[in-house]
Amino acid sequence: MTDYNFKDGRVYEGSRNPGCGTNIGNVRDGRIYEGSGSPGCGRNIGNVRDGRIYEGSGSPGCGRNIGNVRDGYIYEGSGSPGCGRKIGKVDDFTINGIQREKDETIVAVWHFLIKKIF
């Protein structure tokens, strides 16, 4: 299994040590970006807002609502946080160093940059 880590808004693959490995994406202001640049650079592929995860390149809260997070659990569907089919726990999708981010951001990073969840 490949290790992933997070440091200063950037997501890395290939090491558990924060800031080491190949930069695969970044997070800034609720938006998830694909690419190796600084936070806010690259192709905007998703965003999060108020416990919901959206697919698309718009501002947080714009795009297709694909999932949500509530009380440490992940739900598939476009409803309010806590609605839809429960598919797992946030703890199952953690990345070393990302623990201080919001739960929906952790899940969105995993979904858009590592492996599809929804």
PDB file of N, CA and C in Angstrom:
ATOM      1  N   MET A   1       0.842  -1.190   0.000  1.00  0.00           N
ATOM      2  CA  MET A   1       0.000   0.000   0.000  1.00  0.00           C
ATOM      3  C   MET A   1       0.882   1.245   0.000  1.00  0.00           C
ATOM      4  N   THR A   2       0.542   2.190  -0.819  1.00  0.00           N
ATOM      5  CA  THR A   2       1.289   3.430  -0.903  1.00  0.00           C
ATOM      6  C   THR A   2       0.957   4.323   0.277  1.00  0.00           C
ATOM      7  N   ASP A   3       1.961   5.011   0.784  1.00  0.00           N
ATOM      8  CA  ASP A   3       1.747   5.948   1.886  1.00  0.00           C
ATOM      9  C   ASP A   3       1.476   7.341   1.334  1.00  0.00           C
ATOM     10  N   TYR A   4       0.664   8.100   2.069  1.00  0.00           N
ATOM     11  CA  TYR A   4       0.316   9.470   1.695  1.00  0.00           C
ATOM     12  C   TYR A   4       0.521  10.369   2.900  1.00  0.00           C
ATOM     13  N   ASN A   5       0.863  11.634   2.633  1.00  0.00           N
ATOM     14  CA  ASN A   5       1.031  12.589   3.723  1.00  0.00           C
ATOM     15  C   ASN A   5       0.611  13.973   3.265  1.00  0.00           C
ATOM     16  N   PHE A   6       0.502  14.877   4.221  1.00  0.00           N
ATOM     17  CA  PHE A   6      -0.008  16.225   3.987  1.00  0.00           C
ATOM     18  C   PHE A   6       0.836  17.216   4.771  1.00  0.00           C
ATOM     19  N   LYS A   7       1.233  18.292   4.115  1.00  0.00           N
ATOM     20  CA  LYS A   7       1.966  19.354   4.802  1.00  0.00           C
ATOM     21  C   LYS A   7       1.755  20.672   4.073  1.00  0.00           C
ATOM     22  N   ASP A   8       1.445  21.707   4.830  1.00  0.00           N
ATOM     23  CA  ASP A   8       1.290  23.065   4.299  1.00  0.00           C
ATOM     24  C   ASP A   8       0.351  23.133   3.094  1.00  0.00           C
ATOM     25  N   GLY A   9      -0.763  22.415   3.168  1.00  0.00           N
ATOM     26  CA  GLY A   9      -1.756  22.460   2.107  1.00  0.00           C
ATOM     27  C   GLY A   9      -1.466  21.561   0.921  1.00  0.00           C
ATOM     28  N   ARG A  10      -0.353  20.835   0.940  1.00  0.00           N
ATOM     29  CA  ARG A  10       0.015  19.961  -0.170  1.00  0.00           C
ATOM     30  C   ARG A  10      -0.126  18.494   0.215  1.00  0.00           C
ATOM     31  N   VAL A  11      -0.525  17.670  -0.755  1.00  0.00           N
ATOM     32  CA  VAL A  11      -0.694  16.230  -0.552  1.00  0.00           C
ATOM     33  C   VAL A  11       0.440  15.525  -1.298  1.00  0.00           C
ATOM     34  N   TYR A  12       1.122  14.603  -0.587  1.00  0.00           N
ATOM     35  CA  TYR A  12       2.259  13.881  -1.149  1.00  0.00           C
ATOM     36  C   TYR A  12       2.001  12.383  -1.156  1.00  0.00           C
ATOM     37  N   GLU A  13       2.567  11.700  -2.144  1.00  0.00           N
ATOM     38  CA  GLU A  13       2.466  10.261  -2.277  1.00  0.00           C
ATOM     39  C   GLU A  13       3.863   9.650  -2.184  1.00  0.00           C
ATOM     40  N   GLY A  14       3.957   8.513  -1.484  1.00  0.00           N
ATOM     41  CA  GLY A  14       5.215   7.777  -1.461  1.00  0.00           C
ATOM     42  C   GLY A  14       5.972   7.809  -0.156  1.00  0.00           C
ATOM     43  N   SER A  15       5.469   8.499   0.841  1.00  0.00           N
ATOM     44  CA  SER A  15       6.142   8.569   2.137  1.00  0.00           C
ATOM     45  C   SER A  15       5.132   8.907   3.219  1.00  0.00           C
ATOM     46  N   ARG A  16       5.416   8.457   4.436  1.00  0.00           N
ATOM     47  CA  ARG A  16       4.565   8.831   5.578  1.00  0.00           C
ATOM     48  C   ARG A  16       5.060  10.119   6.224  1.00  0.00           C
ATOM     49  N   ASN A  17       6.268  10.537   5.895  1.00  0.00           N
ATOM     50  CA  ASN A  17       6.842  11.743   6.487  1.00  0.00           C
ATOM     51  C   ASN A  17       6.241  12.982   5.828  1.00  0.00           C
ATOM     52  N   PRO A  18       5.580  13.843   6.599  1.00  0.00           N
ATOM     53  CA  PRO A  18       4.962  15.035   6.023  1.00  0.00           C
ATOM     54  C   PRO A  18       5.949  15.875   5.203  1.00  0.00           C
ATOM     55  N   GLY A  19       5.546  16.190   3.976  1.00  0.00           N
ATOM     56  CA  GLY A  19       6.349  17.017   3.092  1.00  0.00           C
ATOM     57  C   GLY A  19       7.292  16.235   2.200  1.00  0.00           C
ATOM     58  N   CYS A  20       7.302  14.914   2.321  1.00  0.00           N
ATOM     59  CA  CYS A  20       8.198  14.076   1.510  1.00  0.00           C
ATOM     60  C   CYS A  20       7.392  13.271   0.498  1.00  0.00           C
ATOM     61  N   GLY A  21       8.023  12.973  -0.622  1.00  0.00           N
ATOM     62  CA  GLY A  21       7.372  12.189  -1.667  1.00  0.00           C
ATOM     63  C   GLY A  21       7.000  13.060  -2.850  1.00  0.00           C
ATOM     64  N   THR A  22       6.157  12.523  -3.705  1.00  0.00           N
ATOM     65  CA  THR A  22       5.709  13.215  -4.909  1.00  0.00           C
ATOM     66  C   THR A  22       4.460  14.022  -4.611  1.00  0.00           C
ATOM     67  N   ASN A  23       4.497  15.320  -4.913  1.00  0.00           N
ATOM     68  CA  ASN A  23       3.349  16.205  -4.694  1.00  0.00           C
ATOM     69  C   ASN A  23       2.275  15.882  -5.735  1.00  0.00           C
ATOM     70  N   ILE A  24       1.101  15.408  -5.285  1.00  0.00           N
ATOM     71  CA  ILE A  24       0.034  15.020  -6.213  1.00  0.00           C
ATOM     72  C   ILE A  24      -1.140  15.998  -6.243  1.00  0.00           C
ATOM     73  N   GLY A  25      -1.199  16.907  -5.288  1.00  0.00           N
ATOM     74  CA  GLY A  25      -2.296  17.862  -5.265  1.00  0.00           C
ATOM     75  C   GLY A  25      -2.194  18.789  -4.075  1.00  0.00           C
ATOM     76  N   ASN A  26      -3.184  19.660  -3.949  1.00  0.00           N
ATOM     77  CA  ASN A  26      -3.163  20.624  -2.853  1.00  0.00           C
ATOM     78  C   ASN A  26      -4.576  21.070  -2.503  1.00  0.00           C
ATOM     79  N   VAL A  27      -4.670  21.739  -1.358  1.00  0.00           N
ATOM     80  CA  VAL A  27      -5.950  22.209  -0.821  1.00  0.00           C
ATOM     81  C   VAL A  27      -5.806  23.679  -0.446  1.00  0.00           C
ATOM     82  N   ARG A  28      -6.822  24.461  -0.814  1.00  0.00           N
ATOM     83  CA  ARG A  28      -6.820  25.869  -0.413  1.00  0.00           C
ATOM     84  C   ARG A  28      -8.249  26.382  -0.380  1.00  0.00           C
ATOM     85  N   ASP A  29      -8.627  26.963   0.735  1.00  0.00           N
ATOM     86  CA  ASP A  29      -9.929  27.616   0.898  1.00  0.00           C
ATOM     87  C   ASP A  29     -11.102  26.725   0.479  1.00  0.00           C
ATOM     88  N   GLY A  30     -11.077  25.459   0.897  1.00  0.00           N
ATOM     89  CA  GLY A  30     -12.172  24.558   0.601  1.00  0.00           C
ATOM     90  C   GLY A  30     -12.167  23.968  -0.789  1.00  0.00           C
ATOM     91  N   ARG A  31     -11.131  24.235  -1.566  1.00  0.00           N
ATOM     92  CA  ARG A  31     -11.029  23.703  -2.926  1.00  0.00           C
ATOM     93  C   ARG A  31      -9.904  22.668  -2.988  1.00  0.00           C
ATOM     94  N   ILE A  32     -10.106  21.618  -3.774  1.00  0.00           N
ATOM     95  CA  ILE A  32      -9.120  20.570  -3.965  1.00  0.00           C
ATOM     96  C   ILE A  32      -8.549  20.737  -5.372  1.00  0.00           C
ATOM     97  N   TYR A  33      -7.217  20.810  -5.474  1.00  0.00           N
ATOM     98  CA  TYR A  33      -6.541  20.998  -6.753  1.00  0.00           C
ATOM     99  C   TYR A  33      -5.663  19.798  -7.083  1.00  0.00           C
ATOM    100  N   GLU A  34      -5.654  19.424  -8.352  1.00  0.00           N
ATOM    101  CA  GLU A  34      -4.797  18.356  -8.840  1.00  0.00           C
ATOM    102  C   GLU A  34      -3.553  19.008  -9.441  1.00  0.00           C
ATOM    103  N   GLY A  35      -2.388  18.534  -9.099  1.00  0.00           N
ATOM    104  CA  GLY A  35      -1.158  19.090  -9.636  1.00  0.00           C
ATOM    105  C   GLY A  35      -0.131  19.335  -8.562  1.00  0.00           C
ATOM    106  N   SER A  36       1.074  19.630  -8.970  1.00  0.00           N
ATOM    107  CA  SER A  36       2.184  19.702  -8.033  1.00  0.00           C
ATOM    108  C   SER A  36       2.558  21.108  -7.591  1.00  0.00           C
ATOM    109  N   GLY A  37       1.741  22.065  -7.825  1.00  0.00           N
ATOM    110  CA  GLY A  37       2.068  23.437  -7.470  1.00  0.00           C
ATOM    111  C   GLY A  37       1.757  23.804  -6.034  1.00  0.00           C
ATOM    112  N   SER A  38       1.865  25.072  -5.760  1.00  0.00           N
ATOM    113  CA  SER A  38       1.540  25.614  -4.441  1.00  0.00           C
ATOM    114  C   SER A  38       0.042  25.509  -4.192  1.00  0.00           C
ATOM    115  N   PRO A  39      -0.389  25.566  -2.922  1.00  0.00           N
ATOM    116  CA  PRO A  39      -1.829  25.532  -2.645  1.00  0.00           C
ATOM    117  C   PRO A  39      -2.574  26.602  -3.443  1.00  0.00           C
ATOM    118  N   GLY A  40      -3.607  26.179  -4.151  1.00  0.00           N
ATOM    119  CA  GLY A  40      -4.384  27.080  -4.991  1.00  0.00           C
ATOM    120  C   GLY A  40      -3.998  27.007  -6.452  1.00  0.00           C
ATOM    121  N   CYS A  41      -2.963  26.239  -6.774  1.00  0.00           N
ATOM    122  CA  CYS A  41      -2.517  26.096  -8.161  1.00  0.00           C
ATOM    123  C   CYS A  41      -2.878  24.714  -8.692  1.00  0.00           C
ATOM    124  N   GLY A  42      -3.079  24.631  -9.982  1.00  0.00           N
ATOM    125  CA  GLY A  42      -3.431  23.374 -10.620  1.00  0.00           C
ATOM    126  C   GLY A  42      -4.876  23.375 -11.049  1.00  0.00           C
ATOM    127  N   ARG A  43      -5.356  22.213 -11.431  1.00  0.00           N
ATOM    128  CA  ARG A  43      -6.734  22.070 -11.901  1.00  0.00           C
ATOM    129  C   ARG A  43      -7.661  21.836 -10.721  1.00  0.00           C
ATOM    130  N   ASN A  44      -8.641  22.726 -10.532  1.00  0.00           N
ATOM    131  CA  ASN A  44      -9.628  22.614  -9.451  1.00  0.00           C
ATOM    132  C   ASN A  44     -10.593  21.482  -9.800  1.00  0.00           C
ATOM    133  N   ILE A  45     -10.589  20.410  -8.975  1.00  0.00           N
ATOM    134  CA  ILE A  45     -11.404  19.240  -9.290  1.00  0.00           C
ATOM    135  C   ILE A  45     -12.544  18.999  -8.314  1.00  0.00           C
ATOM    136  N   GLY A  46     -12.540  19.680  -7.187  1.00  0.00           N
ATOM    137  CA  GLY A  46     -13.613  19.496  -6.220  1.00  0.00           C
ATOM    138  C   GLY A  46     -13.547  20.536  -5.125  1.00  0.00           C
ATOM    139  N   ASN A  47     -14.579  20.537  -4.283  1.00  0.00           N
ATOM    140  CA  ASN A  47     -14.619  21.498  -3.194  1.00  0.00           C
ATOM    141  C   ASN A  47     -15.511  20.981  -2.070  1.00  0.00           C
ATOM    142  N   VAL A  48     -15.409  21.618  -0.922  1.00  0.00           N
ATOM    143  CA  VAL A  48     -16.205  21.234   0.243  1.00  0.00           C
ATOM    144  C   VAL A  48     -16.842  22.470   0.876  1.00  0.00           C
ATOM    145  N   ARG A  49     -18.008  22.233   1.491  1.00  0.00           N
ATOM    146  CA  ARG A  49     -18.662  23.318   2.215  1.00  0.00           C
ATOM    147  C   ARG A  49     -19.727  22.742   3.141  1.00  0.00           C
ATOM    148  N   ASP A  50     -19.687  23.138   4.385  1.00  0.00           N
ATOM    149  CA  ASP A  50     -20.707  22.778   5.372  1.00  0.00           C
ATOM    150  C   ASP A  50     -20.976  21.269   5.435  1.00  0.00           C
ATOM    151  N   GLY A  51     -19.913  20.475   5.453  1.00  0.00           N
ATOM    152  CA  GLY A  51     -20.054  19.030   5.572  1.00  0.00           C
ATOM    153  C   GLY A  51     -20.353  18.298   4.283  1.00  0.00           C
ATOM    154  N   ARG A  52     -20.479  19.031   3.191  1.00  0.00           N
ATOM    155  CA  ARG A  52     -20.792  18.418   1.897  1.00  0.00           C
ATOM    156  C   ARG A  52     -19.570  18.428   0.979  1.00  0.00           C
ATOM    157  N   ILE A  53     -19.501  17.441   0.094  1.00  0.00           N
ATOM    158  CA  ILE A  53     -18.404  17.309  -0.858  1.00  0.00           C
ATOM    159  C   ILE A  53     -18.980  17.469  -2.261  1.00  0.00           C
ATOM    160  N   TYR A  54     -18.375  18.376  -3.036  1.00  0.00           N
ATOM    161  CA  TYR A  54     -18.865  18.694  -4.372  1.00  0.00           C
ATOM    162  C   TYR A  54     -17.812  18.376  -5.423  1.00  0.00           C
ATOM    163  N   GLU A  55     -18.278  17.892  -6.567  1.00  0.00           N
ATOM    164  CA  GLU A  55     -17.413  17.616  -7.702  1.00  0.00           C
ATOM    165  C   GLU A  55     -17.557  18.784  -8.663  1.00  0.00           C
ATOM    166  N   GLY A  56     -16.463  19.348  -9.097  1.00  0.00           N
ATOM    167  CA  GLY A  56     -16.509  20.461 -10.030  1.00  0.00           C
ATOM    168  C   GLY A  56     -15.515  21.529  -9.674  1.00  0.00           C
ATOM    169  N   SER A  57     -15.371  22.488 -10.560  1.00  0.00           N
ATOM    170  CA  SER A  57     -14.316  23.477 -10.430  1.00  0.00           C
ATOM    171  C   SER A  57     -14.762  24.817  -9.870  1.00  0.00           C
ATOM    172  N   GLY A  58     -15.917  24.905  -9.323  1.00  0.00           N
ATOM    173  CA  GLY A  58     -16.420  26.180  -8.828  1.00  0.00           C
ATOM    174  C   GLY A  58     -15.987  26.512  -7.420  1.00  0.00           C
ATOM    175  N   SER A  59     -16.608  27.524  -6.889  1.00  0.00           N
ATOM    176  CA  SER A  59     -16.375  27.942  -5.507  1.00  0.00           C
ATOM    177  C   SER A  59     -16.916  26.887  -4.558  1.00  0.00           C
ATOM    178  N   PRO A  60     -16.449  26.890  -3.295  1.00  0.00           N
ATOM    179  CA  PRO A  60     -17.004  25.937  -2.330  1.00  0.00           C
ATOM    180  C   PRO A  60     -18.528  26.017  -2.281  1.00  0.00           C
ATOM    181  N   GLY A  61     -19.162  24.859  -2.417  1.00  0.00           N
ATOM    182  CA  GLY A  61     -20.617  24.793  -2.429  1.00  0.00           C
ATOM    183  C   GLY A  61     -21.199  24.715  -3.824  1.00  0.00           C
ATOM    184  N   CYS A  62     -20.362  24.804  -4.858  1.00  0.00           N
ATOM    185  CA  CYS A  62     -20.827  24.739  -6.242  1.00  0.00           C
ATOM    186  C   CYS A  62     -20.426  23.404  -6.867  1.00  0.00           C
ATOM    187  N   GLY A  63     -21.204  22.950  -7.817  1.00  0.00           N
ATOM    188  CA  GLY A  63     -20.931  21.695  -8.494  1.00  0.00           C
ATOM    189  C   GLY A  63     -21.912  20.626  -8.073  1.00  0.00           C
ATOM    190  N   ARG A  64     -21.616  19.392  -8.453  1.00  0.00           N
ATOM    191  CA  ARG A  64     -22.496  18.261  -8.141  1.00  0.00           C
ATOM    192  C   ARG A  64     -22.168  17.725  -6.759  1.00  0.00           C
ATOM    193  N   ASN A  65     -23.144  17.737  -5.870  1.00  0.00           N
ATOM    194  CA  ASN A  65     -22.982  17.230  -4.500  1.00  0.00           C
ATOM    195  C   ASN A  65     -22.915  15.702  -4.569  1.00  0.00           C
ATOM    196  N   ILE A  66     -21.755  15.113  -4.218  1.00  0.00           N
ATOM    197  CA  ILE A  66     -21.584  13.667  -4.341  1.00  0.00           C
ATOM    198  C   ILE A  66     -21.568  12.936  -3.005  1.00  0.00           C
ATOM    199  N   GLY A  67     -21.365  13.658  -1.922  1.00  0.00           N
ATOM    200  CA  GLY A  67     -21.325  13.007  -0.622  1.00  0.00           C
ATOM    201  C   GLY A  67     -21.297  14.016   0.504  1.00  0.00           C
ATOM    202  N   ASN A  68     -21.320  13.485   1.734  1.00  0.00           N
ATOM    203  CA  ASN A  68     -21.309  14.360   2.888  1.00  0.00           C
ATOM    204  C   ASN A  68     -20.720  13.632   4.087  1.00  0.00           C
ATOM    205  N   VAL A  69     -20.399  14.408   5.120  1.00  0.00           N
ATOM    206  CA  VAL A  69     -19.779  13.869   6.318  1.00  0.00           C
ATOM    207  C   VAL A  69     -20.496  14.439   7.538  1.00  0.00           C
ATOM    208  N   ARG A  70     -20.749  13.548   8.519  1.00  0.00           N
ATOM    209  CA  ARG A  70     -21.364  14.010   9.762  1.00  0.00           C
ATOM    210  C   ARG A  70     -20.970  13.072  10.897  1.00  0.00           C
ATOM    211  N   ASP A  71     -20.539  13.646  11.988  1.00  0.00           N
ATOM    212  CA  ASP A  71     -20.182  12.904  13.202  1.00  0.00           C
ATOM    213  C   ASP A  71     -19.178  11.778  12.934  1.00  0.00           C
ATOM    214  N   GLY A  72     -18.222  12.033  12.051  1.00  0.00           N
ATOM    215  CA  GLY A  72     -17.175  11.055  11.777  1.00  0.00           C
ATOM    216  C   GLY A  72     -17.539   9.978  10.778  1.00  0.00           C
ATOM    217  N   TYR A  73     -18.732  10.042  10.196  1.00  0.00           N
ATOM    218  CA  TYR A  73     -19.163   9.054   9.208  1.00  0.00           C
ATOM    219  C   TYR A  73     -19.324   9.698   7.836  1.00  0.00           C
ATOM    220  N   ILE A  74     -19.100   8.906   6.798  1.00  0.00           N
ATOM    221  CA  ILE A  74     -19.182   9.352   5.410  1.00  0.00           C
ATOM    222  C   ILE A  74     -20.457   8.792   4.792  1.00  0.00           C
ATOM    223  N   TYR A  75     -21.185   9.651   4.072  1.00  0.00           N
ATOM    224  CA  TYR A  75     -22.434   9.250   3.430  1.00  0.00           C
ATOM    225  C   TYR A  75     -22.369   9.579   1.947  1.00  0.00           C
ATOM    226  N   GLU A  76     -22.886   8.670   1.137  1.00  0.00           N
ATOM    227  CA  GLU A  76     -22.967   8.902  -0.297  1.00  0.00           C
ATOM    228  C   GLU A  76     -24.327   9.494  -0.605  1.00  0.00           C
ATOM    229  N   GLY A  77     -24.355  10.537  -1.397  1.00  0.00           N
ATOM    230  CA  GLY A  77     -25.622  11.143  -1.771  1.00  0.00           C
ATOM    231  C   GLY A  77     -25.571  12.651  -1.682  1.00  0.00           C
ATOM    232  N   SER A  78     -26.601  13.262  -2.210  1.00  0.00           N
ATOM    233  CA  SER A  78     -26.619  14.713  -2.333  1.00  0.00           C
ATOM    234  C   SER A  78     -27.406  15.418  -1.244  1.00  0.00           C
ATOM    235  N   GLY A  79     -27.795  14.722  -0.218  1.00  0.00           N
ATOM    236  CA  GLY A  79     -28.593  15.338   0.831  1.00  0.00           C
ATOM    237  C   GLY A  79     -27.774  16.103   1.848  1.00  0.00           C
ATOM    238  N   SER A  80     -28.437  16.464   2.922  1.00  0.00           N
ATOM    239  CA  SER A  80     -27.785  17.164   4.028  1.00  0.00           C
ATOM    240  C   SER A  80     -26.781  16.240   4.710  1.00  0.00           C
ATOM    241  N   PRO A  81     -25.805  16.792   5.425  1.00  0.00           N
ATOM    242  CA  PRO A  81     -24.870  15.940   6.155  1.00  0.00           C
ATOM    243  C   PRO A  81     -25.608  14.954   7.053  1.00  0.00           C
ATOM    244  N   GLY A  82     -25.235  13.686   6.928  1.00  0.00           N
ATOM    245  CA  GLY A  82     -25.875  12.622   7.688  1.00  0.00           C
ATOM    246  C   GLY A  82     -26.948  11.888   6.906  1.00  0.00           C
ATOM    247  N   CYS A  83     -27.264  12.356   5.704  1.00  0.00           N
ATOM    248  CA  CYS A  83     -28.276  11.718   4.867  1.00  0.00           C
ATOM    249  C   CYS A  83     -27.607  10.927   3.746  1.00  0.00           C
ATOM    250  N   GLY A  84     -28.262   9.874   3.332  1.00  0.00           N
ATOM    251  CA  GLY A  84     -27.742   9.037   2.261  1.00  0.00           C
ATOM    252  C   GLY A  84     -27.224   7.716   2.800  1.00  0.00           C
ATOM    253  N   ARG A  85     -26.577   6.954   1.941  1.00  0.00           N
ATOM    254  CA  ARG A  85     -26.065   5.633   2.305  1.00  0.00           C
ATOM    255  C   ARG A  85     -24.728   5.779   3.024  1.00  0.00           C
ATOM    256  N   LYS A  86     -24.646   5.259   4.252  1.00  0.00           N
ATOM    257  CA  LYS A  86     -23.412   5.323   5.030  1.00  0.00           C
ATOM    258  C   LYS A  86     -22.389   4.388   4.385  1.00  0.00           C
ATOM    259  N   ILE A  87     -21.188   4.920   4.091  1.00  0.00           N
ATOM    260  CA  ILE A  87     -20.188   4.100   3.409  1.00  0.00           C
ATOM    261  C   ILE A  87     -18.895   3.928   4.200  1.00  0.00           C
ATOM    262  N   GLY A  88     -18.773   4.543   5.344  1.00  0.00           N
ATOM    263  CA  GLY A  88     -17.567   4.342   6.143  1.00  0.00           C
ATOM    264  C   GLY A  88     -17.334   5.433   7.158  1.00  0.00           C
ATOM    265  N   LYS A  89     -16.173   5.335   7.802  1.00  0.00           N
ATOM    266  CA  LYS A  89     -15.755   6.319   8.790  1.00  0.00           C
ATOM    267  C   LYS A  89     -14.641   7.191   8.212  1.00  0.00           C
ATOM    268  N   VAL A  90     -14.581   8.419   8.661  1.00  0.00           N
ATOM    269  CA  VAL A  90     -13.516   9.325   8.236  1.00  0.00           C
ATOM    270  C   VAL A  90     -12.159   8.734   8.612  1.00  0.00           C
ATOM    271  N   ASP A  91     -12.074   8.094   9.766  1.00  0.00           N
ATOM    272  CA  ASP A  91     -10.809   7.509  10.228  1.00  0.00           C
ATOM    273  C   ASP A  91     -10.249   6.458   9.272  1.00  0.00           C
ATOM    274  N   ASP A  92     -11.096   5.870   8.436  1.00  0.00           N
ATOM    275  CA  ASP A  92     -10.637   4.871   7.472  1.00  0.00           C
ATOM    276  C   ASP A  92      -9.904   5.499   6.295  1.00  0.00           C
ATOM    277  N   PHE A  93      -9.971   6.800   6.149  1.00  0.00           N
ATOM    278  CA  PHE A  93      -9.402   7.489   4.992  1.00  0.00           C
ATOM    279  C   PHE A  93      -8.436   8.598   5.386  1.00  0.00           C
ATOM    280  N   THR A  94      -7.737   8.412   6.469  1.00  0.00           N
ATOM    281  CA  THR A  94      -6.829   9.468   6.920  1.00  0.00           C
ATOM    282  C   THR A  94      -5.506   9.444   6.162  1.00  0.00           C
ATOM    283  N   ILE A  95      -4.873  10.573   6.177  1.00  0.00           N
ATOM    284  CA  ILE A  95      -3.579  10.795   5.542  1.00  0.00           C
ATOM    285  C   ILE A  95      -2.681  11.386   6.617  1.00  0.00           C
ATOM    286  N   ASN A  96      -1.467  10.888   6.741  1.00  0.00           N
ATOM    287  CA  ASN A  96      -0.558  11.376   7.769  1.00  0.00           C
ATOM    288  C   ASN A  96      -0.366  12.892   7.657  1.00  0.00           C
ATOM    289  N   GLY A  97      -0.626  13.607   8.726  1.00  0.00           N
ATOM    290  CA  GLY A  97      -0.444  15.053   8.760  1.00  0.00           C
ATOM    291  C   GLY A  97      -1.687  15.864   8.454  1.00  0.00           C
ATOM    292  N   ILE A  98      -2.773  15.237   8.021  1.00  0.00           N
ATOM    293  CA  ILE A  98      -3.976  15.987   7.621  1.00  0.00           C
ATOM    294  C   ILE A  98      -5.010  16.084   8.744  1.00  0.00           C
ATOM    295  N   GLN A  99      -4.690  15.553   9.906  1.00  0.00           N
ATOM    296  CA  GLN A  99      -5.648  15.453  11.002  1.00  0.00           C
ATOM    297  C   GLN A  99      -6.262  16.778  11.423  1.00  0.00           C
ATOM    298  N   ARG A 100      -5.623  17.890  11.184  1.00  0.00           N
ATOM    299  CA  ARG A 100      -6.143  19.187  11.622  1.00  0.00           C
ATOM    300  C   ARG A 100      -7.144  19.793  10.639  1.00  0.00           C
ATOM    301  N   GLU A 101      -7.315  19.174   9.501  1.00  0.00           N
ATOM    302  CA  GLU A 101      -8.290  19.646   8.511  1.00  0.00           C
ATOM    303  C   GLU A 101      -9.691  19.164   8.901  1.00  0.00           C
ATOM    304  N   LYS A 102     -10.710  19.769   8.311  1.00  0.00           N
ATOM    305  CA  LYS A 102     -12.090  19.350   8.549  1.00  0.00           C
ATOM    306  C   LYS A 102     -12.302  17.965   7.958  1.00  0.00           C
ATOM    307  N   ASP A 103     -13.230  17.209   8.546  1.00  0.00           N
ATOM    308  CA  ASP A 103     -13.513  15.853   8.080  1.00  0.00           C
ATOM    309  C   ASP A 103     -13.872  15.810   6.597  1.00  0.00           C
ATOM    310  N   GLU A 104     -14.697  16.739   6.145  1.00  0.00           N
ATOM    311  CA  GLU A 104     -15.099  16.724   4.737  1.00  0.00           C
ATOM    312  C   GLU A 104     -13.909  16.991   3.809  1.00  0.00           C
ATOM    313  N   THR A 105     -12.940  17.783   4.261  1.00  0.00           N
ATOM    314  CA  THR A 105     -11.743  18.034   3.468  1.00  0.00           C
ATOM    315  C   THR A 105     -10.893  16.779   3.372  1.00  0.00           C
ATOM    316  N   ILE A 106     -10.744  16.055   4.469  1.00  0.00           N
ATOM    317  CA  ILE A 106      -9.975  14.809   4.478  1.00  0.00           C
ATOM    318  C   ILE A 106     -10.579  13.818   3.484  1.00  0.00           C
ATOM    319  N   VAL A 107     -11.887  13.644   3.535  1.00  0.00           N
ATOM    320  CA  VAL A 107     -12.568  12.703   2.644  1.00  0.00           C
ATOM    321  C   VAL A 107     -12.461  13.162   1.191  1.00  0.00           C
ATOM    322  N   ALA A 108     -12.627  14.459   0.938  1.00  0.00           N
ATOM    323  CA  ALA A 108     -12.544  14.983  -0.424  1.00  0.00           C
ATOM    324  C   ALA A 108     -11.141  14.796  -1.002  1.00  0.00           C
ATOM    325  N   VAL A 109     -10.115  15.038  -0.210  1.00  0.00           N
ATOM    326  CA  VAL A 109      -8.738  14.844  -0.680  1.00  0.00           C
ATOM    327  C   VAL A 109      -8.548  13.390  -1.090  1.00  0.00           C
ATOM    328  N   TRP A 110      -9.006  12.466  -0.244  1.00  0.00           N
ATOM    329  CA  TRP A 110      -8.867  11.045  -0.558  1.00  0.00           C
ATOM    330  C   TRP A 110      -9.617  10.714  -1.857  1.00  0.00           C
ATOM    331  N   HIS A 111     -10.867  11.183  -1.954  1.00  0.00           N
ATOM    332  CA  HIS A 111     -11.705  10.874  -3.116  1.00  0.00           C
ATOM    333  C   HIS A 111     -11.124  11.433  -4.420  1.00  0.00           C
ATOM    334  N   PHE A 112     -10.710  12.676  -4.412  1.00  0.00           N
ATOM    335  CA  PHE A 112     -10.269  13.316  -5.651  1.00  0.00           C
ATOM    336  C   PHE A 112      -8.817  13.051  -6.015  1.00  0.00           C
ATOM    337  N   LEU A 113      -7.945  12.819  -5.030  1.00  0.00           N
ATOM    338  CA  LEU A 113      -6.523  12.682  -5.336  1.00  0.00           C
ATOM    339  C   LEU A 113      -5.957  11.278  -5.176  1.00  0.00           C
ATOM    340  N   ILE A 114      -6.610  10.420  -4.405  1.00  0.00           N
ATOM    341  CA  ILE A 114      -6.039   9.106  -4.140  1.00  0.00           C
ATOM    342  C   ILE A 114      -6.874   7.998  -4.779  1.00  0.00           C
ATOM    343  N   LYS A 115      -8.082   7.806  -4.321  1.00  0.00           N
ATOM    344  CA  LYS A 115      -8.952   6.758  -4.868  1.00  0.00           C
ATOM    345  C   LYS A 115     -10.406   7.157  -4.648  1.00  0.00           C
ATOM    346  N   LYS A 116     -11.210   6.974  -5.678  1.00  0.00           N
ATOM    347  CA  LYS A 116     -12.629   7.348  -5.615  1.00  0.00           C
ATOM    348  C   LYS A 116     -13.341   6.589  -4.503  1.00  0.00           C
ATOM    349  N   ILE A 117     -14.120   7.302  -3.709  1.00  0.00           N
ATOM    350  CA  ILE A 117     -14.920   6.733  -2.646  1.00  0.00           C
ATOM    351  C   ILE A 117     -16.383   6.657  -3.070  1.00  0.00           C
ATOM    352  N   PHE A 118     -16.843   7.690  -3.752  1.00  0.00           N
ATOM    353  CA  PHE A 118     -18.264   7.789  -4.152  1.00  0.00           C
ATOM    354  C   PHE A 118     -18.469   7.289  -5.561  1.00  0.00           C
TER     355      PHE A 118
END
